[in-house]
């Protein structure tokens, strides 16, 4: 059961449990330059928007972890951790 922290907040997001990757995350995962990471994020974000999987108001410079993992890291969506 989720622990209520304060004022109805169920959990605090930190680097490990955030639902998105930033350019710095992509740089460390793929060992690419920062400009390449931003380019990849822009392209993946636009793909998500074009496919209707993401709203245009999703923050710039971020890509959903699940989509990134599926498209770039080739992680199977059906594989369960455990």
C-alpha atoms as a PDB file:
ATOM      1  CA  UNK A   1       0.000   0.000   0.000  1.00  0.00           C
ATOM      2  CA  UNK A   2       1.298   3.469  -0.869  1.00  0.00           C
ATOM      3  CA  UNK A   3       2.352   5.662   1.981  1.00  0.00           C
ATOM      4  CA  UNK A   4       0.819   9.116   2.049  1.00  0.00           C
ATOM      5  CA  UNK A   5       3.602  11.628   2.586  1.00  0.00           C
ATOM      6  CA  UNK A   6       1.716  14.899   2.915  1.00  0.00           C
ATOM      7  CA  UNK A   7      -1.256  16.694   1.376  1.00  0.00           C
ATOM      8  CA  UNK A   8      -2.288  13.618  -0.604  1.00  0.00           C
ATOM      9  CA  UNK A   9       1.105  13.035  -2.263  1.00  0.00           C
ATOM     10  CA  UNK A  10       1.555   9.291  -2.702  1.00  0.00           C
ATOM     11  CA  UNK A  11       5.228   9.290  -3.636  1.00  0.00           C
ATOM     12  CA  UNK A  12       8.035  11.677  -4.324  1.00  0.00           C
ATOM     13  CA  UNK A  13       9.729  11.326  -7.714  1.00  0.00           C
ATOM     14  CA  UNK A  14      13.483  11.097  -7.729  1.00  0.00           C
ATOM     15  CA  UNK A  15      15.999  10.052 -10.400  1.00  0.00           C
ATOM     16  CA  UNK A  16      15.230   6.370  -9.964  1.00  0.00           C
ATOM     17  CA  UNK A  17      11.431   6.376 -10.113  1.00  0.00           C
ATOM     18  CA  UNK A  18      10.664   9.188 -12.559  1.00  0.00           C
ATOM     19  CA  UNK A  19       8.597   8.101 -15.599  1.00  0.00           C
ATOM     20  CA  UNK A  20      10.868   9.769 -18.166  1.00  0.00           C
ATOM     21  CA  UNK A  21      14.465  10.068 -19.325  1.00  0.00           C
ATOM     22  CA  UNK A  22      16.300  13.351 -19.780  1.00  0.00           C
ATOM     23  CA  UNK A  23      19.202  14.036 -22.135  1.00  0.00           C
ATOM     24  CA  UNK A  24      21.666  13.367 -19.302  1.00  0.00           C
ATOM     25  CA  UNK A  25      20.065   9.942 -18.769  1.00  0.00           C
ATOM     26  CA  UNK A  26      20.333   9.121 -22.485  1.00  0.00           C
ATOM     27  CA  UNK A  27      23.983  10.232 -22.504  1.00  0.00           C
ATOM     28  CA  UNK A  28      24.817   7.869 -19.653  1.00  0.00           C
ATOM     29  CA  UNK A  29      22.758   4.955 -21.037  1.00  0.00           C
ATOM     30  CA  UNK A  30      23.967   5.083 -24.643  1.00  0.00           C
ATOM     31  CA  UNK A  31      27.311   6.889 -24.266  1.00  0.00           C
ATOM     32  CA  UNK A  32      26.429   9.493 -26.895  1.00  0.00           C
ATOM     33  CA  UNK A  33      27.018  13.238 -26.974  1.00  0.00           C
ATOM     34  CA  UNK A  34      24.534  15.555 -25.302  1.00  0.00           C
ATOM     35  CA  UNK A  35      23.482  17.058 -28.640  1.00  0.00           C
ATOM     36  CA  UNK A  36      22.814  13.549 -30.035  1.00  0.00           C
ATOM     37  CA  UNK A  37      20.782  12.723 -26.913  1.00  0.00           C
ATOM     38  CA  UNK A  38      18.621  15.836 -27.353  1.00  0.00           C
ATOM     39  CA  UNK A  39      18.116  14.999 -31.037  1.00  0.00           C
ATOM     40  CA  UNK A  40      17.010  11.462 -30.147  1.00  0.00           C
ATOM     41  CA  UNK A  41      14.621  12.764 -27.500  1.00  0.00           C
ATOM     42  CA  UNK A  42      13.090  15.261 -29.954  1.00  0.00           C
ATOM     43  CA  UNK A  43      12.563  12.534 -32.551  1.00  0.00           C
ATOM     44  CA  UNK A  44      11.131   9.984 -30.109  1.00  0.00           C
ATOM     45  CA  UNK A  45       8.873  12.586 -28.513  1.00  0.00           C
ATOM     46  CA  UNK A  46       7.541  13.589 -31.942  1.00  0.00           C
ATOM     47  CA  UNK A  47       6.935   9.928 -32.833  1.00  0.00           C
ATOM     48  CA  UNK A  48       4.884   9.546 -29.654  1.00  0.00           C
ATOM     49  CA  UNK A  49       2.860  12.657 -30.449  1.00  0.00           C
ATOM     50  CA  UNK A  50       2.281  11.577 -34.065  1.00  0.00           C
ATOM     51  CA  UNK A  51       1.128   8.120 -32.915  1.00  0.00           C
ATOM     52  CA  UNK A  52      -1.255   9.690 -30.393  1.00  0.00           C
ATOM     53  CA  UNK A  53       0.607   8.151 -27.459  1.00  0.00           C
ATOM     54  CA  UNK A  54       1.675  11.482 -26.038  1.00  0.00           C
ATOM     55  CA  UNK A  55       0.177  14.933 -25.679  1.00  0.00           C
ATOM     56  CA  UNK A  56       1.904  17.967 -27.185  1.00  0.00           C
ATOM     57  CA  UNK A  57       2.017  19.447 -23.686  1.00  0.00           C
ATOM     58  CA  UNK A  58       4.463  16.715 -22.504  1.00  0.00           C
ATOM     59  CA  UNK A  59       7.609  18.518 -21.322  1.00  0.00           C
ATOM     60  CA  UNK A  60      10.304  19.248 -23.876  1.00  0.00           C
ATOM     61  CA  UNK A  61      13.631  17.507 -23.343  1.00  0.00           C
ATOM     62  CA  UNK A  62      12.040  14.398 -21.839  1.00  0.00           C
ATOM     63  CA  UNK A  63      10.930  11.074 -23.313  1.00  0.00           C
ATOM     64  CA  UNK A  64       8.807   8.439 -21.549  1.00  0.00           C
ATOM     65  CA  UNK A  65      10.984   5.623 -20.201  1.00  0.00           C
ATOM     66  CA  UNK A  66       8.684   2.904 -21.500  1.00  0.00           C
ATOM     67  CA  UNK A  67       8.737   4.235 -25.074  1.00  0.00           C
ATOM     68  CA  UNK A  68      12.495   4.807 -25.032  1.00  0.00           C
ATOM     69  CA  UNK A  69      13.110   1.307 -23.695  1.00  0.00           C
ATOM     70  CA  UNK A  70      10.884  -0.243 -26.366  1.00  0.00           C
ATOM     71  CA  UNK A  71      12.289   1.727 -29.304  1.00  0.00           C
ATOM     72  CA  UNK A  72      15.963   2.118 -28.404  1.00  0.00           C
ATOM     73  CA  UNK A  73      16.852  -0.611 -25.948  1.00  0.00           C
ATOM     74  CA  UNK A  74      14.560  -3.196 -27.607  1.00  0.00           C
ATOM     75  CA  UNK A  75      13.022  -4.229 -24.288  1.00  0.00           C
ATOM     76  CA  UNK A  76      10.065  -6.582 -24.793  1.00  0.00           C
ATOM     77  CA  UNK A  77       6.878  -5.042 -23.379  1.00  0.00           C
ATOM     78  CA  UNK A  78       5.589  -8.476 -22.340  1.00  0.00           C
ATOM     79  CA  UNK A  79       8.666  -9.426 -20.303  1.00  0.00           C
ATOM     80  CA  UNK A  80       8.053  -9.031 -16.606  1.00  0.00           C
ATOM     81  CA  UNK A  81      10.836  -8.265 -14.159  1.00  0.00           C
ATOM     82  CA  UNK A  82      11.139 -10.555 -11.255  1.00  0.00           C
END
